[in-house]
Amino acid sequence: MKKGIHPEYHTVTVTCSTCGNTFESGSVLKELRVDTCAKCHPFFTGEQKFVQAAGRVEKFNRRLQKKQN
């Protein structure tokens, strides 16, 4: 490897701007700020709703009821 052309790799503190959670990671930057993290993102907290799937199930049930009648 050539000397002097690679950026320095640091241990940095990552701060979430939504919930204020902090954790350590590695980066070539001195400081990192993220919009959402695993503590406040709806997918990881279980608050995400699958609206599209719910509509499909209802549509299927209506078609099934029509066929049975």
PDB file of N, CA and C in Angstrom:
ATOM      1  N   MET A   1       0.844  -1.188   0.000  1.00  0.00           N
ATOM      2  CA  MET A   1       0.000   0.000   0.000  1.00  0.00           C
ATOM      3  C   MET A   1       0.880   1.239   0.000  1.00  0.00           C
ATOM      4  N   LYS A   2       0.462   2.247  -0.727  1.00  0.00           N
ATOM      5  CA  LYS A   2       1.197   3.497  -0.752  1.00  0.00           C
ATOM      6  C   LYS A   2       0.938   4.258   0.534  1.00  0.00           C
ATOM      7  N   LYS A   3       1.940   4.903   1.038  1.00  0.00           N
ATOM      8  CA  LYS A   3       1.798   5.678   2.271  1.00  0.00           C
ATOM      9  C   LYS A   3       1.301   7.083   1.947  1.00  0.00           C
ATOM     10  N   GLY A   4       0.455   7.592   2.836  1.00  0.00           N
ATOM     11  CA  GLY A   4       0.008   8.970   2.731  1.00  0.00           C
ATOM     12  C   GLY A   4      -1.206   9.205   1.832  1.00  0.00           C
ATOM     13  N   ILE A   5      -1.771   8.163   1.191  1.00  0.00           N
ATOM     14  CA  ILE A   5      -2.927   8.393   0.321  1.00  0.00           C
ATOM     15  C   ILE A   5      -4.227   7.878   0.925  1.00  0.00           C
ATOM     16  N   HIS A   6      -4.156   7.125   2.000  1.00  0.00           N
ATOM     17  CA  HIS A   6      -5.346   6.556   2.611  1.00  0.00           C
ATOM     18  C   HIS A   6      -5.826   7.430   3.764  1.00  0.00           C
ATOM     19  N   PRO A   7      -7.144   7.622   3.888  1.00  0.00           N
ATOM     20  CA  PRO A   7      -7.660   8.442   4.997  1.00  0.00           C
ATOM     21  C   PRO A   7      -7.496   7.712   6.331  1.00  0.00           C
ATOM     22  N   GLU A   8      -7.445   8.485   7.388  1.00  0.00           N
ATOM     23  CA  GLU A   8      -7.321   7.897   8.725  1.00  0.00           C
ATOM     24  C   GLU A   8      -8.668   7.357   9.170  1.00  0.00           C
ATOM     25  N   TYR A   9      -8.678   6.194   9.756  1.00  0.00           N
ATOM     26  CA  TYR A   9      -9.889   5.539  10.236  1.00  0.00           C
ATOM     27  C   TYR A   9      -9.998   5.776  11.725  1.00  0.00           C
ATOM     28  N   HIS A  10     -11.137   6.322  12.162  1.00  0.00           N
ATOM     29  CA  HIS A  10     -11.335   6.685  13.567  1.00  0.00           C
ATOM     30  C   HIS A  10     -12.497   5.900  14.166  1.00  0.00           C
ATOM     31  N   THR A  11     -12.478   5.779  15.477  1.00  0.00           N
ATOM     32  CA  THR A  11     -13.657   5.320  16.213  1.00  0.00           C
ATOM     33  C   THR A  11     -14.452   6.571  16.528  1.00  0.00           C
ATOM     34  N   VAL A  12     -15.702   6.601  16.054  1.00  0.00           N
ATOM     35  CA  VAL A  12     -16.524   7.804  16.210  1.00  0.00           C
ATOM     36  C   VAL A  12     -17.799   7.490  16.985  1.00  0.00           C
ATOM     37  N   THR A  13     -18.402   8.519  17.527  1.00  0.00           N
ATOM     38  CA  THR A  13     -19.686   8.397  18.189  1.00  0.00           C
ATOM     39  C   THR A  13     -20.759   8.821  17.193  1.00  0.00           C
ATOM     40  N   VAL A  14     -21.697   7.932  16.917  1.00  0.00           N
ATOM     41  CA  VAL A  14     -22.807   8.213  16.009  1.00  0.00           C
ATOM     42  C   VAL A  14     -23.982   8.674  16.857  1.00  0.00           C
ATOM     43  N   THR A  15     -24.583   9.807  16.485  1.00  0.00           N
ATOM     44  CA  THR A  15     -25.697  10.382  17.232  1.00  0.00           C
ATOM     45  C   THR A  15     -26.937  10.412  16.350  1.00  0.00           C
ATOM     46  N   CYS A  16     -28.040   9.904  16.885  1.00  0.00           N
ATOM     47  CA  CYS A  16     -29.321   9.937  16.175  1.00  0.00           C
ATOM     48  C   CYS A  16     -29.992  11.274  16.473  1.00  0.00           C
ATOM     49  N   SER A  17     -30.362  12.003  15.409  1.00  0.00           N
ATOM     50  CA  SER A  17     -30.974  13.318  15.614  1.00  0.00           C
ATOM     51  C   SER A  17     -32.451  13.211  16.010  1.00  0.00           C
ATOM     52  N   THR A  18     -33.077  12.041  15.814  1.00  0.00           N
ATOM     53  CA  THR A  18     -34.484  11.875  16.170  1.00  0.00           C
ATOM     54  C   THR A  18     -34.666  11.579  17.649  1.00  0.00           C
ATOM     55  N   CYS A  19     -33.954  10.563  18.151  1.00  0.00           N
ATOM     56  CA  CYS A  19     -34.171  10.144  19.537  1.00  0.00           C
ATOM     57  C   CYS A  19     -33.006  10.474  20.464  1.00  0.00           C
ATOM     58  N   GLY A  20     -31.860  10.861  19.921  1.00  0.00           N
ATOM     59  CA  GLY A  20     -30.717  11.217  20.750  1.00  0.00           C
ATOM     60  C   GLY A  20     -29.854  10.036  21.142  1.00  0.00           C
ATOM     61  N   ASN A  21     -30.151   8.850  20.646  1.00  0.00           N
ATOM     62  CA  ASN A  21     -29.371   7.656  20.942  1.00  0.00           C
ATOM     63  C   ASN A  21     -27.958   7.808  20.381  1.00  0.00           C
ATOM     64  N   THR A  22     -26.963   7.319  21.115  1.00  0.00           N
ATOM     65  CA  THR A  22     -25.583   7.349  20.637  1.00  0.00           C
ATOM     66  C   THR A  22     -24.989   5.953  20.693  1.00  0.00           C
ATOM     67  N   PHE A  23     -24.113   5.666  19.741  1.00  0.00           N
ATOM     68  CA  PHE A  23     -23.376   4.414  19.728  1.00  0.00           C
ATOM     69  C   PHE A  23     -22.070   4.632  18.997  1.00  0.00           C
ATOM     70  N   GLU A  24     -21.137   3.721  19.174  1.00  0.00           N
ATOM     71  CA  GLU A  24     -19.814   3.864  18.579  1.00  0.00           C
ATOM     72  C   GLU A  24     -19.714   3.050  17.308  1.00  0.00           C
ATOM     73  N   SER A  25     -18.973   3.592  16.349  1.00  0.00           N
ATOM     74  CA  SER A  25     -18.743   2.932  15.075  1.00  0.00           C
ATOM     75  C   SER A  25     -17.393   3.396  14.545  1.00  0.00           C
ATOM     76  N   GLY A  26     -17.022   2.920  13.387  1.00  0.00           N
ATOM     77  CA  GLY A  26     -15.782   3.334  12.765  1.00  0.00           C
ATOM     78  C   GLY A  26     -16.057   4.113  11.498  1.00  0.00           C
ATOM     79  N   SER A  27     -15.265   5.159  11.245  1.00  0.00           N
ATOM     80  CA  SER A  27     -15.474   5.982  10.062  1.00  0.00           C
ATOM     81  C   SER A  27     -14.228   6.806   9.784  1.00  0.00           C
ATOM     82  N   VAL A  28     -14.159   7.349   8.581  1.00  0.00           N
ATOM     83  CA  VAL A  28     -13.080   8.274   8.251  1.00  0.00           C
ATOM     84  C   VAL A  28     -13.469   9.692   8.655  1.00  0.00           C
ATOM     85  N   LEU A  29     -14.744   9.899   9.014  1.00  0.00           N
ATOM     86  CA  LEU A  29     -15.194  11.192   9.504  1.00  0.00           C
ATOM     87  C   LEU A  29     -14.956  11.294  11.006  1.00  0.00           C
ATOM     88  N   LYS A  30     -14.931  12.497  11.522  1.00  0.00           N
ATOM     89  CA  LYS A  30     -14.705  12.695  12.953  1.00  0.00           C
ATOM     90  C   LYS A  30     -15.984  12.532  13.758  1.00  0.00           C
ATOM     91  N   GLU A  31     -17.135  12.866  13.156  1.00  0.00           N
ATOM     92  CA  GLU A  31     -18.418  12.822  13.853  1.00  0.00           C
ATOM     93  C   GLU A  31     -19.505  12.426  12.855  1.00  0.00           C
ATOM     94  N   LEU A  32     -20.452  11.607  13.301  1.00  0.00           N
ATOM     95  CA  LEU A  32     -21.555  11.194  12.437  1.00  0.00           C
ATOM     96  C   LEU A  32     -22.884  11.488  13.115  1.00  0.00           C
ATOM     97  N   ARG A  33     -23.827  12.016  12.339  1.00  0.00           N
ATOM     98  CA  ARG A  33     -25.196  12.229  12.798  1.00  0.00           C
ATOM     99  C   ARG A  33     -26.112  11.539  11.803  1.00  0.00           C
ATOM    100  N   VAL A  34     -27.066  10.763  12.308  1.00  0.00           N
ATOM    101  CA  VAL A  34     -28.017  10.067  11.451  1.00  0.00           C
ATOM    102  C   VAL A  34     -29.432  10.537  11.785  1.00  0.00           C
ATOM    103  N   ASP A  35     -30.348  10.416  10.804  1.00  0.00           N
ATOM    104  CA  ASP A  35     -31.732  10.845  11.017  1.00  0.00           C
ATOM    105  C   ASP A  35     -32.503   9.851  11.874  1.00  0.00           C
ATOM    106  N   THR A  36     -32.346   8.559  11.593  1.00  0.00           N
ATOM    107  CA  THR A  36     -33.018   7.521  12.378  1.00  0.00           C
ATOM    108  C   THR A  36     -32.037   6.404  12.670  1.00  0.00           C
ATOM    109  N   CYS A  37     -32.268   5.731  13.782  1.00  0.00           N
ATOM    110  CA  CYS A  37     -31.405   4.617  14.163  1.00  0.00           C
ATOM    111  C   CYS A  37     -32.287   3.407  14.475  1.00  0.00           C
ATOM    112  N   ALA A  38     -31.689   2.319  14.899  1.00  0.00           N
ATOM    113  CA  ALA A  38     -32.438   1.098  15.188  1.00  0.00           C
ATOM    114  C   ALA A  38     -33.359   1.257  16.401  1.00  0.00           C
ATOM    115  N   LYS A  39     -33.107   2.226  17.265  1.00  0.00           N
ATOM    116  CA  LYS A  39     -33.960   2.446  18.441  1.00  0.00           C
ATOM    117  C   LYS A  39     -35.259   3.169  18.093  1.00  0.00           C
ATOM    118  N   CYS A  40     -35.254   3.980  17.019  1.00  0.00           N
ATOM    119  CA  CYS A  40     -36.446   4.773  16.718  1.00  0.00           C
ATOM    120  C   CYS A  40     -37.031   4.493  15.334  1.00  0.00           C
ATOM    121  N   HIS A  41     -36.417   3.655  14.533  1.00  0.00           N
ATOM    122  CA  HIS A  41     -36.948   3.353  13.199  1.00  0.00           C
ATOM    123  C   HIS A  41     -38.154   2.421  13.328  1.00  0.00           C
ATOM    124  N   PRO A  42     -39.259   2.710  12.641  1.00  0.00           N
ATOM    125  CA  PRO A  42     -40.481   1.908  12.785  1.00  0.00           C
ATOM    126  C   PRO A  42     -40.295   0.423  12.461  1.00  0.00           C
ATOM    127  N   PHE A  43     -39.423   0.077  11.536  1.00  0.00           N
ATOM    128  CA  PHE A  43     -39.219  -1.332  11.190  1.00  0.00           C
ATOM    129  C   PHE A  43     -38.640  -2.107  12.373  1.00  0.00           C
ATOM    130  N   PHE A  44     -37.675  -1.534  13.074  1.00  0.00           N
ATOM    131  CA  PHE A  44     -37.022  -2.218  14.177  1.00  0.00           C
ATOM    132  C   PHE A  44     -37.813  -2.151  15.478  1.00  0.00           C
ATOM    133  N   THR A  45     -38.663  -1.141  15.638  1.00  0.00           N
ATOM    134  CA  THR A  45     -39.443  -1.016  16.874  1.00  0.00           C
ATOM    135  C   THR A  45     -40.741  -1.808  16.820  1.00  0.00           C
ATOM    136  N   GLY A  46     -41.109  -2.296  15.633  1.00  0.00           N
ATOM    137  CA  GLY A  46     -42.339  -3.071  15.495  1.00  0.00           C
ATOM    138  C   GLY A  46     -43.574  -2.217  15.295  1.00  0.00           C
ATOM    139  N   GLU A  47     -43.416  -0.927  15.090  1.00  0.00           N
ATOM    140  CA  GLU A  47     -44.545  -0.026  14.906  1.00  0.00           C
ATOM    141  C   GLU A  47     -44.934   0.118  13.437  1.00  0.00           C
ATOM    142  N   GLN A  48     -44.159  -0.487  12.545  1.00  0.00           N
ATOM    143  CA  GLN A  48     -44.453  -0.387  11.125  1.00  0.00           C
ATOM    144  C   GLN A  48     -45.698  -1.190  10.798  1.00  0.00           C
ATOM    145  N   LYS A  49     -46.565  -0.610  10.024  1.00  0.00           N
ATOM    146  CA  LYS A  49     -47.801  -1.275   9.660  1.00  0.00           C
ATOM    147  C   LYS A  49     -47.755  -1.611   8.177  1.00  0.00           C
ATOM    148  N   PHE A  50     -48.201  -2.798   7.839  1.00  0.00           N
ATOM    149  CA  PHE A  50     -48.222  -3.230   6.458  1.00  0.00           C
ATOM    150  C   PHE A  50     -49.629  -3.018   5.910  1.00  0.00           C
ATOM    151  N   VAL A  51     -49.924  -1.796   5.519  1.00  0.00           N
ATOM    152  CA  VAL A  51     -51.249  -1.418   5.052  1.00  0.00           C
ATOM    153  C   VAL A  51     -51.575  -2.127   3.750  1.00  0.00           C
ATOM    154  N   GLN A  52     -50.616  -2.250   2.896  1.00  0.00           N
ATOM    155  CA  GLN A  52     -50.838  -2.873   1.602  1.00  0.00           C
ATOM    156  C   GLN A  52     -51.271  -4.329   1.760  1.00  0.00           C
ATOM    157  N   ALA A  53     -50.626  -5.063   2.646  1.00  0.00           N
ATOM    158  CA  ALA A  53     -50.960  -6.472   2.856  1.00  0.00           C
ATOM    159  C   ALA A  53     -52.359  -6.615   3.450  1.00  0.00           C
ATOM    160  N   ALA A  54     -52.731  -5.717   4.339  1.00  0.00           N
ATOM    161  CA  ALA A  54     -54.058  -5.794   4.954  1.00  0.00           C
ATOM    162  C   ALA A  54     -55.137  -5.616   3.892  1.00  0.00           C
ATOM    163  N   GLY A  55     -54.961  -4.719   2.963  1.00  0.00           N
ATOM    164  CA  GLY A  55     -55.929  -4.522   1.900  1.00  0.00           C
ATOM    165  C   GLY A  55     -56.042  -5.734   0.997  1.00  0.00           C
ATOM    166  N   ARG A  56     -54.955  -6.416   0.762  1.00  0.00           N
ATOM    167  CA  ARG A  56     -54.971  -7.610  -0.080  1.00  0.00           C
ATOM    168  C   ARG A  56     -55.738  -8.748   0.572  1.00  0.00           C
ATOM    169  N   VAL A  57     -55.565  -8.895   1.869  1.00  0.00           N
ATOM    170  CA  VAL A  57     -56.266  -9.957   2.595  1.00  0.00           C
ATOM    171  C   VAL A  57     -57.768  -9.712   2.555  1.00  0.00           C
ATOM    172  N   GLU A  58     -58.187  -8.469   2.783  1.00  0.00           N
ATOM    173  CA  GLU A  58     -59.610  -8.136   2.736  1.00  0.00           C
ATOM    174  C   GLU A  58     -60.185  -8.374   1.342  1.00  0.00           C
ATOM    175  N   LYS A  59     -59.432  -8.004   0.323  1.00  0.00           N
ATOM    176  CA  LYS A  59     -59.879  -8.219  -1.054  1.00  0.00           C
ATOM    177  C   LYS A  59     -60.047  -9.714  -1.344  1.00  0.00           C
ATOM    178  N   PHE A  60     -59.098 -10.529  -0.885  1.00  0.00           N
ATOM    179  CA  PHE A  60     -59.173 -11.979  -1.065  1.00  0.00           C
ATOM    180  C   PHE A  60     -60.405 -12.554  -0.356  1.00  0.00           C
ATOM    181  N   ASN A  61     -60.646 -12.122   0.879  1.00  0.00           N
ATOM    182  CA  ASN A  61     -61.792 -12.620   1.644  1.00  0.00           C
ATOM    183  C   ASN A  61     -63.113 -12.258   0.977  1.00  0.00           C
ATOM    184  N   ARG A  62     -63.207 -11.060   0.393  1.00  0.00           N
ATOM    185  CA  ARG A  62     -64.432 -10.674  -0.317  1.00  0.00           C
ATOM    186  C   ARG A  62     -64.656 -11.557  -1.545  1.00  0.00           C
ATOM    187  N   ARG A  63     -63.598 -11.845  -2.299  1.00  0.00           N
ATOM    188  CA  ARG A  63     -63.735 -12.715  -3.470  1.00  0.00           C
ATOM    189  C   ARG A  63     -64.114 -14.126  -3.044  1.00  0.00           C
ATOM    190  N   LEU A  64     -63.562 -14.598  -1.936  1.00  0.00           N
ATOM    191  CA  LEU A  64     -63.867 -15.948  -1.444  1.00  0.00           C
ATOM    192  C   LEU A  64     -65.323 -16.026  -1.012  1.00  0.00           C
ATOM    193  N   GLN A  65     -65.840 -15.004  -0.351  1.00  0.00           N
ATOM    194  CA  GLN A  65     -67.245 -14.999   0.060  1.00  0.00           C
ATOM    195  C   GLN A  65     -68.187 -14.995  -1.143  1.00  0.00           C
ATOM    196  N   LYS A  66     -67.827 -14.284  -2.218  1.00  0.00           N
ATOM    197  CA  LYS A  66     -68.652 -14.254  -3.417  1.00  0.00           C
ATOM    198  C   LYS A  66     -68.724 -15.648  -4.054  1.00  0.00           C
ATOM    199  N   LYS A  67     -67.623 -16.356  -4.065  1.00  0.00           N
ATOM    200  CA  LYS A  67     -67.592 -17.690  -4.664  1.00  0.00           C
ATOM    201  C   LYS A  67     -68.377 -18.707  -3.840  1.00  0.00           C
ATOM    202  N   GLN A  68     -68.385 -18.540  -2.526  1.00  0.00           N
ATOM    203  CA  GLN A  68     -69.093 -19.481  -1.645  1.00  0.00           C
ATOM    204  C   GLN A  68     -70.601 -19.262  -1.693  1.00  0.00           C
ATOM    205  N   ASN A  69     -71.042 -18.063  -1.991  1.00  0.00           N
ATOM    206  CA  ASN A  69     -72.485 -17.756  -2.023  1.00  0.00           C
ATOM    207  C   ASN A  69     -73.047 -18.130  -3.329  1.00  0.00           C
TER     208      ASN A  69
END
